[in-house]
Amino acid sequence: MHELSSTVPIAYPGGTYGTYLEWCLTSLTSTDQSLSSPFTESGNSHKFKGNFLEVGNVPKFLSVNQLEKFVRFHPKTQQQHSISDRLDQVCDIVQHMIYIYPDQDSVLLTINNFFTKIWNNWWTDKFLIAESADANKLYQNWPVTPGTEIQDIPVWIRREFLSLYFMPAWHDQVEWYHPDRWQNPRCCIITVRDFLNNFEETLQKISLFCDLAYVRPIQDLLPFHEQNLKNQKYLHHDALCADIILAVTNNQNFSWEPLSLPSEAWIQWQLRNLGYEIQCHELDKFPTNSVHLHELLYQPKPT
C-alpha cells in the first residue's frame, strides 16, 4: 500500500474563499514570515499566491511532492467532470482533505464573488473568450451581432441571458447540493457561512480533523478576518434577495438599493421558477421597489 501524502489539499468552487482559507492555514502553521494582508482592492485574497493546481495535476503533484503543507484546486472545471470522482481520487492519496462549499445562505455571495472577483471582467475574460458555445446562445437568441463589445450589449439582454443560462450553469458547476450526496472519512467539509461567521470554531475544527499543529493563535488572524468581512459587499445579498422575492410575490411594499447584475439575474431566474416572467424588454434599469417589479410580472400561457 502506498504512503499517503501529508499535504492537505483544499477543494473549492470558485468564489468560496479557498485562497483565503489557504492563507489562514499557512499563516497559522508557520512563523517563517510576519503576517501581511492577502486582500486586493476587489475584495479577494489573491495577493497571496499559495499553491493553486489544475485539478488534473493534483494526483501527480501529491505523489512526488511532500514539502508543501497545502495546495488548492477547483474540483470541476469542465462540464463532463464529476466532483465526486475527482474528490475520491484525491482522498485516496492523502491523509486529509478540506472541501469548502457554498451553503443555502451563501449562493448569491458565491455567485457574485465568482462573477466579480476572479477576472477583471467576467464577460470579456471568461465568457466571450472561453465560453464560445454559450456566447453563441447570446448571439442567436437576442438581437446581438457576434463581436459586439460587451459594453454595447444592453443591460437587459445581459441580465436575461444570465438568468437563463448562467444560473443553471452555476448549479451544474457545483453540482448543487453536492455534500448531500458525497462524504469521505478523509475529508473535512466546511460551509462558506461557517467559515465567515464561525471563523475561530471552523479553524479549530480543521486543526483537529487534519491533525494540524497551529504555531500562532487563531486570534492573531481576527483583525484580518474583520477586514475581510468588511470587504464582502455581497455578504447580505442572499437574505436581501429572498426578502425581495417574498415581497414581490405577495405584492408587499419593499424597497432596496440597486443590486449587482448577477443578483438581479437571480431574482429573474427565481421568479421564473415560481411561474412568473418579467416584462424586461429594454428594462436596463432594474426596479428597486417590489410594487414596481410586481407590476412587470406576467404568467406565460402554457404551450
C-alpha atoms as a PDB file:
ATOM      1  CA  MET A   1       0.000   0.000   0.000  1.00  0.00           C
ATOM      2  CA  HIS A   2       1.376   3.408  -0.972  1.00  0.00           C
ATOM      3  CA  GLU A   3       2.167   6.021   1.687  1.00  0.00           C
ATOM      4  CA  LEU A   4      -0.496   8.698   1.941  1.00  0.00           C
ATOM      5  CA  SER A   5       0.567  12.289   1.339  1.00  0.00           C
ATOM      6  CA  SER A   6       0.624  14.621   4.345  1.00  0.00           C
ATOM      7  CA  THR A   7      -0.097  17.635   2.129  1.00  0.00           C
ATOM      8  CA  VAL A   8      -3.622  18.921   2.792  1.00  0.00           C
ATOM      9  CA  PRO A   9      -5.500  19.783  -0.431  1.00  0.00           C
ATOM     10  CA  ILE A  10      -8.261  22.390  -0.312  1.00  0.00           C
ATOM     11  CA  ALA A  11     -11.036  21.703  -2.820  1.00  0.00           C
ATOM     12  CA  TYR A  12     -13.379  24.603  -3.543  1.00  0.00           C
ATOM     13  CA  PRO A  13     -15.625  26.006  -6.272  1.00  0.00           C
ATOM     14  CA  GLY A  14     -14.639  29.454  -7.488  1.00  0.00           C
ATOM     15  CA  GLY A  15     -15.802  32.247  -5.204  1.00  0.00           C
ATOM     16  CA  THR A  16     -15.875  30.237  -1.958  1.00  0.00           C
ATOM     17  CA  TYR A  17     -12.750  31.689  -0.288  1.00  0.00           C
ATOM     18  CA  GLY A  18     -10.376  28.827  -0.997  1.00  0.00           C
ATOM     19  CA  THR A  19      -7.394  31.182  -1.401  1.00  0.00           C
ATOM     20  CA  TYR A  20      -8.264  32.938   1.834  1.00  0.00           C
ATOM     21  CA  LEU A  21      -8.537  29.605   3.641  1.00  0.00           C
ATOM     22  CA  GLU A  22      -5.118  28.556   2.369  1.00  0.00           C
ATOM     23  CA  TRP A  23      -3.679  31.883   3.572  1.00  0.00           C
ATOM     24  CA  CYS A  24      -5.242  31.349   7.014  1.00  0.00           C
ATOM     25  CA  LEU A  25      -3.872  27.813   7.358  1.00  0.00           C
ATOM     26  CA  THR A  26      -0.428  28.765   6.027  1.00  0.00           C
ATOM     27  CA  SER A  27      -0.289  31.680   8.480  1.00  0.00           C
ATOM     28  CA  LEU A  28      -1.335  29.506  11.415  1.00  0.00           C
ATOM     29  CA  THR A  29       1.115  26.676  10.721  1.00  0.00           C
ATOM     30  CA  SER A  30       4.248  28.726  10.042  1.00  0.00           C
ATOM     31  CA  THR A  31       6.090  31.678  11.535  1.00  0.00           C
ATOM     32  CA  ASP A  32       8.538  31.952   8.647  1.00  0.00           C
ATOM     33  CA  GLN A  33       7.074  35.321   7.680  1.00  0.00           C
ATOM     34  CA  SER A  34       5.235  38.073   9.503  1.00  0.00           C
ATOM     35  CA  LEU A  35       1.511  38.320   8.878  1.00  0.00           C
ATOM     36  CA  SER A  36       0.536  40.562   5.992  1.00  0.00           C
ATOM     37  CA  SER A  37      -2.827  41.208   4.385  1.00  0.00           C
ATOM     38  CA  PRO A  38      -3.678  38.982   1.398  1.00  0.00           C
ATOM     39  CA  PHE A  39      -6.545  41.218   0.240  1.00  0.00           C
ATOM     40  CA  THR A  40      -6.728  43.089  -3.058  1.00  0.00           C
ATOM     41  CA  GLU A  41      -8.857  46.108  -3.902  1.00  0.00           C
ATOM     42  CA  SER A  42     -11.511  43.831  -5.427  1.00  0.00           C
ATOM     43  CA  GLY A  43     -12.021  42.056  -2.081  1.00  0.00           C
ATOM     44  CA  ASN A  44     -10.384  38.728  -2.942  1.00  0.00           C
ATOM     45  CA  SER A  45      -7.252  37.265  -1.306  1.00  0.00           C
ATOM     46  CA  HIS A  46      -5.159  36.999  -4.447  1.00  0.00           C
ATOM     47  CA  LYS A  47      -2.194  38.944  -3.075  1.00  0.00           C
ATOM     48  CA  PHE A  48      -1.435  35.541  -1.573  1.00  0.00           C
ATOM     49  CA  LYS A  49      -0.300  33.170  -4.295  1.00  0.00           C
ATOM     50  CA  GLY A  50      -0.164  29.916  -2.358  1.00  0.00           C
ATOM     51  CA  ASN A  51      -0.246  26.679  -4.321  1.00  0.00           C
ATOM     52  CA  PHE A  52      -3.064  26.539  -6.845  1.00  0.00           C
ATOM     53  CA  LEU A  53      -3.165  23.463  -9.103  1.00  0.00           C
ATOM     54  CA  GLU A  54      -5.308  22.470 -12.037  1.00  0.00           C
ATOM     55  CA  VAL A  55      -7.400  19.539 -10.872  1.00  0.00           C
ATOM     56  CA  GLY A  56      -5.808  17.092 -13.323  1.00  0.00           C
ATOM     57  CA  ASN A  57      -2.354  17.865 -11.918  1.00  0.00           C
ATOM     58  CA  VAL A  58      -3.227  17.268  -8.263  1.00  0.00           C
ATOM     59  CA  PRO A  59      -2.595  13.478  -8.068  1.00  0.00           C
ATOM     60  CA  LYS A  60       0.810  13.677  -9.768  1.00  0.00           C
ATOM     61  CA  PHE A  61       1.876  16.643  -7.641  1.00  0.00           C
ATOM     62  CA  LEU A  62       0.912  14.889  -4.414  1.00  0.00           C
ATOM     63  CA  SER A  63       2.700  11.700  -5.422  1.00  0.00           C
ATOM     64  CA  VAL A  64       6.080  13.412  -5.881  1.00  0.00           C
ATOM     65  CA  ASN A  65       5.938  16.491  -3.614  1.00  0.00           C
ATOM     66  CA  GLN A  66       5.878  16.145   0.157  1.00  0.00           C
ATOM     67  CA  LEU A  67       7.161  19.629   1.013  1.00  0.00           C
ATOM     68  CA  GLU A  68       4.046  21.750   0.603  1.00  0.00           C
ATOM     69  CA  LYS A  69       1.671  21.807   3.543  1.00  0.00           C
ATOM     70  CA  PHE A  70      -1.310  22.922   1.454  1.00  0.00           C
ATOM     71  CA  VAL A  71      -2.491  23.036  -2.134  1.00  0.00           C
ATOM     72  CA  ARG A  72      -5.832  24.155  -3.511  1.00  0.00           C
ATOM     73  CA  PHE A  73      -7.857  23.284  -6.604  1.00  0.00           C
ATOM     74  CA  HIS A  74     -11.287  23.560  -8.226  1.00  0.00           C
ATOM     75  CA  PRO A  75     -12.805  20.047  -8.397  1.00  0.00           C
ATOM     76  CA  LYS A  76     -14.875  20.760 -11.503  1.00  0.00           C
ATOM     77  CA  THR A  77     -13.714  22.901 -14.404  1.00  0.00           C
ATOM     78  CA  GLN A  78     -15.357  21.059 -17.322  1.00  0.00           C
ATOM     79  CA  GLN A  79     -18.981  20.005 -17.731  1.00  0.00           C
ATOM     80  CA  GLN A  80     -18.049  16.325 -18.063  1.00  0.00           C
ATOM     81  CA  HIS A  81     -16.129  16.288 -14.771  1.00  0.00           C
ATOM     82  CA  SER A  82     -17.636  14.531 -11.756  1.00  0.00           C
ATOM     83  CA  ILE A  83     -16.913  16.264  -8.458  1.00  0.00           C
ATOM     84  CA  SER A  84     -17.363  13.023  -6.503  1.00  0.00           C
ATOM     85  CA  ASP A  85     -14.918  11.137  -8.723  1.00  0.00           C
ATOM     86  CA  ARG A  86     -12.333  13.924  -8.515  1.00  0.00           C
ATOM     87  CA  LEU A  87     -12.570  14.239  -4.740  1.00  0.00           C
ATOM     88  CA  ASP A  88     -12.443  10.477  -4.187  1.00  0.00           C
ATOM     89  CA  GLN A  89      -9.369  10.298  -6.401  1.00  0.00           C
ATOM     90  CA  VAL A  90      -7.589  12.880  -4.249  1.00  0.00           C
ATOM     91  CA  CYS A  91      -8.792  11.385  -0.963  1.00  0.00           C
ATOM     92  CA  ASP A  92      -7.251   8.054  -1.996  1.00  0.00           C
ATOM     93  CA  ILE A  93      -3.747   9.575  -1.889  1.00  0.00           C
ATOM     94  CA  VAL A  94      -3.868  11.975   1.082  1.00  0.00           C
ATOM     95  CA  GLN A  95      -4.300  11.666   4.808  1.00  0.00           C
ATOM     96  CA  HIS A  96      -6.697  14.598   4.999  1.00  0.00           C
ATOM     97  CA  MET A  97      -8.524  16.950   2.656  1.00  0.00           C
ATOM     98  CA  ILE A  98     -10.684  20.067   3.132  1.00  0.00           C
ATOM     99  CA  TYR A  99     -13.723  20.802   0.976  1.00  0.00           C
ATOM    100  CA  ILE A 100     -15.309  24.250   1.268  1.00  0.00           C
ATOM    101  CA  TYR A 101     -18.758  24.561  -0.270  1.00  0.00           C
ATOM    102  CA  PRO A 102     -21.497  27.206  -0.516  1.00  0.00           C
ATOM    103  CA  ASP A 103     -24.498  26.587   1.694  1.00  0.00           C
ATOM    104  CA  GLN A 104     -28.123  27.617   1.153  1.00  0.00           C
ATOM    105  CA  ASP A 105     -27.437  31.086   2.597  1.00  0.00           C
ATOM    106  CA  SER A 106     -24.346  31.883   0.533  1.00  0.00           C
ATOM    107  CA  VAL A 107     -25.436  31.136  -3.035  1.00  0.00           C
ATOM    108  CA  LEU A 108     -25.585  34.755  -4.187  1.00  0.00           C
ATOM    109  CA  LEU A 109     -22.480  35.623  -2.208  1.00  0.00           C
ATOM    110  CA  THR A 110     -20.600  32.896  -4.063  1.00  0.00           C
ATOM    111  CA  ILE A 111     -22.105  33.728  -7.458  1.00  0.00           C
ATOM    112  CA  ASN A 112     -21.224  37.406  -7.113  1.00  0.00           C
ATOM    113  CA  ASN A 113     -17.709  36.511  -5.974  1.00  0.00           C
ATOM    114  CA  PHE A 114     -17.312  34.199  -8.970  1.00  0.00           C
ATOM    115  CA  PHE A 115     -18.609  36.886 -11.311  1.00  0.00           C
ATOM    116  CA  THR A 116     -16.661  39.881  -9.965  1.00  0.00           C
ATOM    117  CA  LYS A 117     -13.512  38.746  -8.137  1.00  0.00           C
ATOM    118  CA  ILE A 118     -11.781  36.157 -10.299  1.00  0.00           C
ATOM    119  CA  TRP A 119     -11.483  38.060 -13.561  1.00  0.00           C
ATOM    120  CA  ASN A 120     -11.104  41.764 -14.314  1.00  0.00           C
ATOM    121  CA  ASN A 121     -14.258  41.421 -16.416  1.00  0.00           C
ATOM    122  CA  TRP A 122     -16.150  38.111 -16.479  1.00  0.00           C
ATOM    123  CA  TRP A 123     -17.719  38.828 -19.843  1.00  0.00           C
ATOM    124  CA  THR A 124     -14.501  39.529 -21.722  1.00  0.00           C
ATOM    125  CA  ASP A 125     -12.016  37.440 -19.708  1.00  0.00           C
ATOM    126  CA  LYS A 126     -14.106  34.306 -19.222  1.00  0.00           C
ATOM    127  CA  PHE A 127     -17.329  34.252 -21.172  1.00  0.00           C
ATOM    128  CA  LEU A 128     -16.809  35.746 -24.614  1.00  0.00           C
ATOM    129  CA  ILE A 129     -13.357  34.172 -24.998  1.00  0.00           C
ATOM    130  CA  ALA A 130     -13.617  30.798 -23.271  1.00  0.00           C
ATOM    131  CA  GLU A 131     -17.326  30.003 -23.420  1.00  0.00           C
ATOM    132  CA  SER A 132     -17.912  30.203 -27.184  1.00  0.00           C
ATOM    133  CA  ALA A 133     -20.895  27.809 -27.073  1.00  0.00           C
ATOM    134  CA  ASP A 134     -22.721  29.977 -24.537  1.00  0.00           C
ATOM    135  CA  ALA A 135     -21.651  33.108 -26.383  1.00  0.00           C
ATOM    136  CA  ASN A 136     -23.357  31.710 -29.475  1.00  0.00           C
ATOM    137  CA  LYS A 137     -26.563  31.339 -27.444  1.00  0.00           C
ATOM    138  CA  LEU A 138     -26.357  35.028 -26.660  1.00  0.00           C
ATOM    139  CA  TYR A 139     -25.885  35.950 -30.310  1.00  0.00           C
ATOM    140  CA  GLN A 140     -28.530  33.544 -31.588  1.00  0.00           C
ATOM    141  CA  ASN A 141     -31.345  34.326 -29.143  1.00  0.00           C
ATOM    142  CA  TRP A 142     -31.091  38.097 -28.770  1.00  0.00           C
ATOM    143  CA  PRO A 143     -30.540  40.929 -31.259  1.00  0.00           C
ATOM    144  CA  VAL A 144     -26.785  40.965 -30.699  1.00  0.00           C
ATOM    145  CA  THR A 145     -24.292  40.846 -33.556  1.00  0.00           C
ATOM    146  CA  PRO A 146     -21.316  38.482 -32.949  1.00  0.00           C
ATOM    147  CA  GLY A 147     -18.281  40.502 -31.954  1.00  0.00           C
ATOM    148  CA  THR A 148     -20.305  43.263 -30.302  1.00  0.00           C
ATOM    149  CA  GLU A 149     -18.344  44.827 -27.439  1.00  0.00           C
ATOM    150  CA  ILE A 150     -19.851  43.853 -24.114  1.00  0.00           C
ATOM    151  CA  GLN A 151     -20.457  47.464 -23.096  1.00  0.00           C
ATOM    152  CA  ASP A 152     -22.593  47.837 -26.225  1.00  0.00           C
ATOM    153  CA  ILE A 153     -24.888  44.912 -25.331  1.00  0.00           C
ATOM    154  CA  PRO A 154     -27.925  46.308 -23.470  1.00  0.00           C
ATOM    155  CA  VAL A 155     -28.035  45.555 -19.768  1.00  0.00           C
ATOM    156  CA  TRP A 156     -31.475  43.938 -20.026  1.00  0.00           C
ATOM    157  CA  ILE A 157     -30.127  41.387 -22.526  1.00  0.00           C
ATOM    158  CA  ARG A 158     -27.131  40.559 -20.354  1.00  0.00           C
ATOM    159  CA  ARG A 159     -29.388  40.168 -17.316  1.00  0.00           C
ATOM    160  CA  GLU A 160     -31.879  37.938 -19.130  1.00  0.00           C
ATOM    161  CA  PHE A 161     -29.059  35.829 -20.541  1.00  0.00           C
ATOM    162  CA  LEU A 162     -27.580  35.326 -17.070  1.00  0.00           C
ATOM    163  CA  SER A 163     -30.984  34.356 -15.682  1.00  0.00           C
ATOM    164  CA  LEU A 164     -31.489  31.717 -18.391  1.00  0.00           C
ATOM    165  CA  TYR A 165     -28.004  30.262 -18.743  1.00  0.00           C
ATOM    166  CA  PHE A 166     -25.603  31.383 -16.040  1.00  0.00           C
ATOM    167  CA  MET A 167     -27.740  30.319 -13.077  1.00  0.00           C
ATOM    168  CA  PRO A 168     -28.282  26.721 -14.304  1.00  0.00           C
ATOM    169  CA  ALA A 169     -24.624  26.562 -15.378  1.00  0.00           C
ATOM    170  CA  TRP A 170     -23.507  27.540 -11.882  1.00  0.00           C
ATOM    171  CA  HIS A 171     -25.729  24.865 -10.326  1.00  0.00           C
ATOM    172  CA  ASP A 172     -24.179  22.322 -12.687  1.00  0.00           C
ATOM    173  CA  GLN A 173     -20.668  23.502 -11.909  1.00  0.00           C
ATOM    174  CA  VAL A 174     -21.081  22.993  -8.156  1.00  0.00           C
ATOM    175  CA  GLU A 175     -23.466  20.016  -8.614  1.00  0.00           C
ATOM    176  CA  TRP A 176     -25.875  21.607  -6.175  1.00  0.00           C
ATOM    177  CA  TYR A 177     -26.175  20.459  -3.346  1.00  0.00           C
ATOM    178  CA  HIS A 178     -23.190  18.151  -3.532  1.00  0.00           C
ATOM    179  CA  PRO A 179     -22.485  17.474   0.200  1.00  0.00           C
ATOM    180  CA  ASP A 180     -25.902  15.796   0.451  1.00  0.00           C
ATOM    181  CA  ARG A 181     -24.628  13.109  -1.930  1.00  0.00           C
ATOM    182  CA  TRP A 182     -20.934  12.820  -1.095  1.00  0.00           C
ATOM    183  CA  GLN A 183     -18.831  12.359   2.012  1.00  0.00           C
ATOM    184  CA  ASN A 184     -15.450  10.769   2.631  1.00  0.00           C
ATOM    185  CA  PRO A 185     -13.901   9.930   6.012  1.00  0.00           C
ATOM    186  CA  ARG A 186     -10.673  11.703   4.991  1.00  0.00           C
ATOM    187  CA  CYS A 187     -12.445  14.914   4.006  1.00  0.00           C
ATOM    188  CA  CYS A 188     -13.434  17.786   6.281  1.00  0.00           C
ATOM    189  CA  ILE A 189     -16.409  19.607   4.718  1.00  0.00           C
ATOM    190  CA  ILE A 190     -16.960  23.215   5.772  1.00  0.00           C
ATOM    191  CA  THR A 191     -19.502  25.720   4.512  1.00  0.00           C
ATOM    192  CA  VAL A 192     -18.862  29.266   3.384  1.00  0.00           C
ATOM    193  CA  ARG A 193     -21.100  30.732   6.084  1.00  0.00           C
ATOM    194  CA  ASP A 194     -19.412  28.743   8.847  1.00  0.00           C
ATOM    195  CA  PHE A 195     -16.006  29.863   7.638  1.00  0.00           C
ATOM    196  CA  LEU A 196     -17.060  33.511   7.565  1.00  0.00           C
ATOM    197  CA  ASN A 197     -19.387  33.641  10.568  1.00  0.00           C
ATOM    198  CA  ASN A 198     -17.842  30.977  12.854  1.00  0.00           C
ATOM    199  CA  PHE A 199     -14.255  31.697  11.948  1.00  0.00           C
ATOM    200  CA  GLU A 200     -12.425  30.524  15.070  1.00  0.00           C
ATOM    201  CA  GLU A 201     -14.565  27.416  15.558  1.00  0.00           C
ATOM    202  CA  THR A 202     -14.144  26.405  11.908  1.00  0.00           C
ATOM    203  CA  LEU A 203     -10.362  26.759  12.014  1.00  0.00           C
ATOM    204  CA  GLN A 204     -10.298  24.715  15.240  1.00  0.00           C
ATOM    205  CA  LYS A 205     -12.418  22.044  13.549  1.00  0.00           C
ATOM    206  CA  ILE A 206      -9.950  21.899  10.652  1.00  0.00           C
ATOM    207  CA  SER A 207      -6.999  21.678  13.053  1.00  0.00           C
ATOM    208  CA  LEU A 208      -8.500  18.697  14.869  1.00  0.00           C
ATOM    209  CA  PHE A 209      -9.683  16.883  11.748  1.00  0.00           C
ATOM    210  CA  CYS A 210      -6.465  17.348   9.760  1.00  0.00           C
ATOM    211  CA  ASP A 211      -4.124  16.989  12.744  1.00  0.00           C
ATOM    212  CA  LEU A 212      -2.602  20.414  12.104  1.00  0.00           C
ATOM    213  CA  ALA A 213      -0.405  21.992  14.741  1.00  0.00           C
ATOM    214  CA  TYR A 214      -1.030  25.742  14.777  1.00  0.00           C
ATOM    215  CA  VAL A 215       2.036  27.729  15.847  1.00  0.00           C
ATOM    216  CA  ARG A 216       0.130  31.001  16.022  1.00  0.00           C
ATOM    217  CA  PRO A 217      -3.071  31.665  17.958  1.00  0.00           C
ATOM    218  CA  ILE A 218      -6.139  31.994  15.759  1.00  0.00           C
ATOM    219  CA  GLN A 219      -6.770  35.330  17.477  1.00  0.00           C
ATOM    220  CA  ASP A 220      -3.817  36.790  15.550  1.00  0.00           C
ATOM    221  CA  LEU A 221      -5.899  36.472  12.380  1.00  0.00           C
ATOM    222  CA  LEU A 222      -9.009  38.179  13.739  1.00  0.00           C
ATOM    223  CA  PRO A 223      -8.086  41.731  12.619  1.00  0.00           C
ATOM    224  CA  PHE A 224      -7.541  40.383   9.096  1.00  0.00           C
ATOM    225  CA  HIS A 225     -10.812  38.470   9.208  1.00  0.00           C
ATOM    226  CA  GLU A 226     -12.705  41.570  10.323  1.00  0.00           C
ATOM    227  CA  GLN A 227     -11.226  43.419   7.355  1.00  0.00           C
ATOM    228  CA  ASN A 228     -12.178  40.555   5.042  1.00  0.00           C
ATOM    229  CA  LEU A 229     -15.798  40.695   6.201  1.00  0.00           C
ATOM    230  CA  LYS A 230     -15.856  44.454   5.570  1.00  0.00           C
ATOM    231  CA  ASN A 231     -14.619  43.761   2.023  1.00  0.00           C
ATOM    232  CA  GLN A 232     -17.579  41.463   1.230  1.00  0.00           C
ATOM    233  CA  LYS A 233     -20.115  43.832  -0.302  1.00  0.00           C
ATOM    234  CA  TYR A 234     -22.341  40.910  -1.369  1.00  0.00           C
ATOM    235  CA  LEU A 235     -22.449  39.375   2.097  1.00  0.00           C
ATOM    236  CA  HIS A 236     -26.164  40.066   2.628  1.00  0.00           C
ATOM    237  CA  HIS A 237     -27.466  39.599  -0.920  1.00  0.00           C
ATOM    238  CA  ASP A 238     -28.863  36.119  -0.189  1.00  0.00           C
ATOM    239  CA  ALA A 239     -31.133  37.340   2.603  1.00  0.00           C
ATOM    240  CA  LEU A 240     -31.996  40.566   0.769  1.00  0.00           C
ATOM    241  CA  CYS A 241     -32.968  38.862  -2.494  1.00  0.00           C
ATOM    242  CA  ALA A 242     -35.028  36.267  -0.637  1.00  0.00           C
ATOM    243  CA  ASP A 243     -36.924  39.148   1.003  1.00  0.00           C
ATOM    244  CA  ILE A 244     -37.403  40.759  -2.408  1.00  0.00           C
ATOM    245  CA  ILE A 245     -38.899  37.565  -3.873  1.00  0.00           C
ATOM    246  CA  LEU A 246     -41.250  37.254  -0.900  1.00  0.00           C
ATOM    247  CA  ALA A 247     -42.373  40.882  -1.149  1.00  0.00           C
ATOM    248  CA  VAL A 248     -42.858  40.776  -4.924  1.00  0.00           C
ATOM    249  CA  THR A 249     -44.859  37.550  -4.983  1.00  0.00           C
ATOM    250  CA  ASN A 250     -47.051  38.782  -2.116  1.00  0.00           C
ATOM    251  CA  ASN A 251     -47.348  42.299  -3.580  1.00  0.00           C
ATOM    252  CA  GLN A 252     -45.969  43.859  -0.408  1.00  0.00           C
ATOM    253  CA  ASN A 253     -44.172  47.209  -0.440  1.00  0.00           C
ATOM    254  CA  PHE A 254     -40.418  46.771  -0.051  1.00  0.00           C
ATOM    255  CA  SER A 255     -37.554  48.893  -1.380  1.00  0.00           C
ATOM    256  CA  TRP A 256     -33.840  48.257  -1.802  1.00  0.00           C
ATOM    257  CA  GLU A 257     -30.678  49.836  -3.130  1.00  0.00           C
ATOM    258  CA  PRO A 258     -29.569  48.935  -6.690  1.00  0.00           C
ATOM    259  CA  LEU A 259     -28.293  45.365  -6.899  1.00  0.00           C
ATOM    260  CA  SER A 260     -25.470  43.722  -8.810  1.00  0.00           C
ATOM    261  CA  LEU A 261     -26.313  42.253 -12.218  1.00  0.00           C
ATOM    262  CA  PRO A 262     -25.911  38.617 -11.008  1.00  0.00           C
ATOM    263  CA  SER A 263     -28.303  39.286  -8.113  1.00  0.00           C
ATOM    264  CA  GLU A 264     -30.850  40.869 -10.456  1.00  0.00           C
ATOM    265  CA  ALA A 265     -30.498  37.865 -12.770  1.00  0.00           C
ATOM    266  CA  TRP A 266     -31.003  35.506  -9.822  1.00  0.00           C
ATOM    267  CA  ILE A 267     -34.273  37.296  -8.975  1.00  0.00           C
ATOM    268  CA  GLN A 268     -35.429  36.970 -12.585  1.00  0.00           C
ATOM    269  CA  TRP A 269     -34.443  33.268 -12.594  1.00  0.00           C
ATOM    270  CA  GLN A 270     -36.145  32.581  -9.263  1.00  0.00           C
ATOM    271  CA  LEU A 271     -39.348  34.340 -10.325  1.00  0.00           C
ATOM    272  CA  ARG A 272     -39.326  32.202 -13.492  1.00  0.00           C
ATOM    273  CA  ASN A 273     -39.054  29.094 -11.288  1.00  0.00           C
ATOM    274  CA  LEU A 274     -42.186  30.329  -9.493  1.00  0.00           C
ATOM    275  CA  GLY A 275     -44.076  30.704 -12.770  1.00  0.00           C
ATOM    276  CA  TYR A 276     -43.509  34.394 -13.475  1.00  0.00           C
ATOM    277  CA  GLU A 277     -41.680  36.249 -16.235  1.00  0.00           C
ATOM    278  CA  ILE A 278     -40.643  39.900 -16.171  1.00  0.00           C
ATOM    279  CA  GLN A 279     -41.559  42.312 -18.935  1.00  0.00           C
ATOM    280  CA  CYS A 280     -37.869  43.001 -19.319  1.00  0.00           C
ATOM    281  CA  HIS A 281     -37.515  44.256 -22.901  1.00  0.00           C
ATOM    282  CA  GLU A 282     -35.344  47.395 -22.687  1.00  0.00           C
ATOM    283  CA  LEU A 283     -35.554  47.232 -18.867  1.00  0.00           C
ATOM    284  CA  ASP A 284     -31.943  48.324 -18.398  1.00  0.00           C
ATOM    285  CA  LYS A 285     -32.687  49.874 -15.017  1.00  0.00           C
ATOM    286  CA  PHE A 286     -33.970  47.121 -12.735  1.00  0.00           C
ATOM    287  CA  PRO A 287     -36.683  48.169 -10.242  1.00  0.00           C
ATOM    288  CA  THR A 288     -35.695  48.929  -6.663  1.00  0.00           C
ATOM    289  CA  ASN A 289     -39.220  48.574  -5.298  1.00  0.00           C
ATOM    290  CA  SER A 290     -41.325  45.426  -5.043  1.00  0.00           C
ATOM    291  CA  VAL A 291     -44.556  47.102  -6.143  1.00  0.00           C
ATOM    292  CA  HIS A 292     -42.911  48.315  -9.353  1.00  0.00           C
ATOM    293  CA  LEU A 293     -41.379  44.905 -10.013  1.00  0.00           C
ATOM    294  CA  HIS A 294     -44.704  43.176  -9.302  1.00  0.00           C
ATOM    295  CA  GLU A 295     -46.363  45.366 -11.944  1.00  0.00           C
ATOM    296  CA  LEU A 296     -43.903  43.990 -14.511  1.00  0.00           C
ATOM    297  CA  LEU A 297     -44.715  40.343 -13.814  1.00  0.00           C
ATOM    298  CA  TYR A 298     -46.835  38.125 -16.011  1.00  0.00           C
ATOM    299  CA  GLN A 299     -47.534  34.405 -16.136  1.00  0.00           C
ATOM    300  CA  PRO A 300     -46.828  32.876 -19.565  1.00  0.00           C
ATOM    301  CA  LYS A 301     -49.594  30.878 -21.154  1.00  0.00           C
ATOM    302  CA  PRO A 302     -48.916  27.116 -21.259  1.00  0.00           C
ATOM    303  CA  THR A 303     -47.560  25.982 -24.616  1.00  0.00           C
END
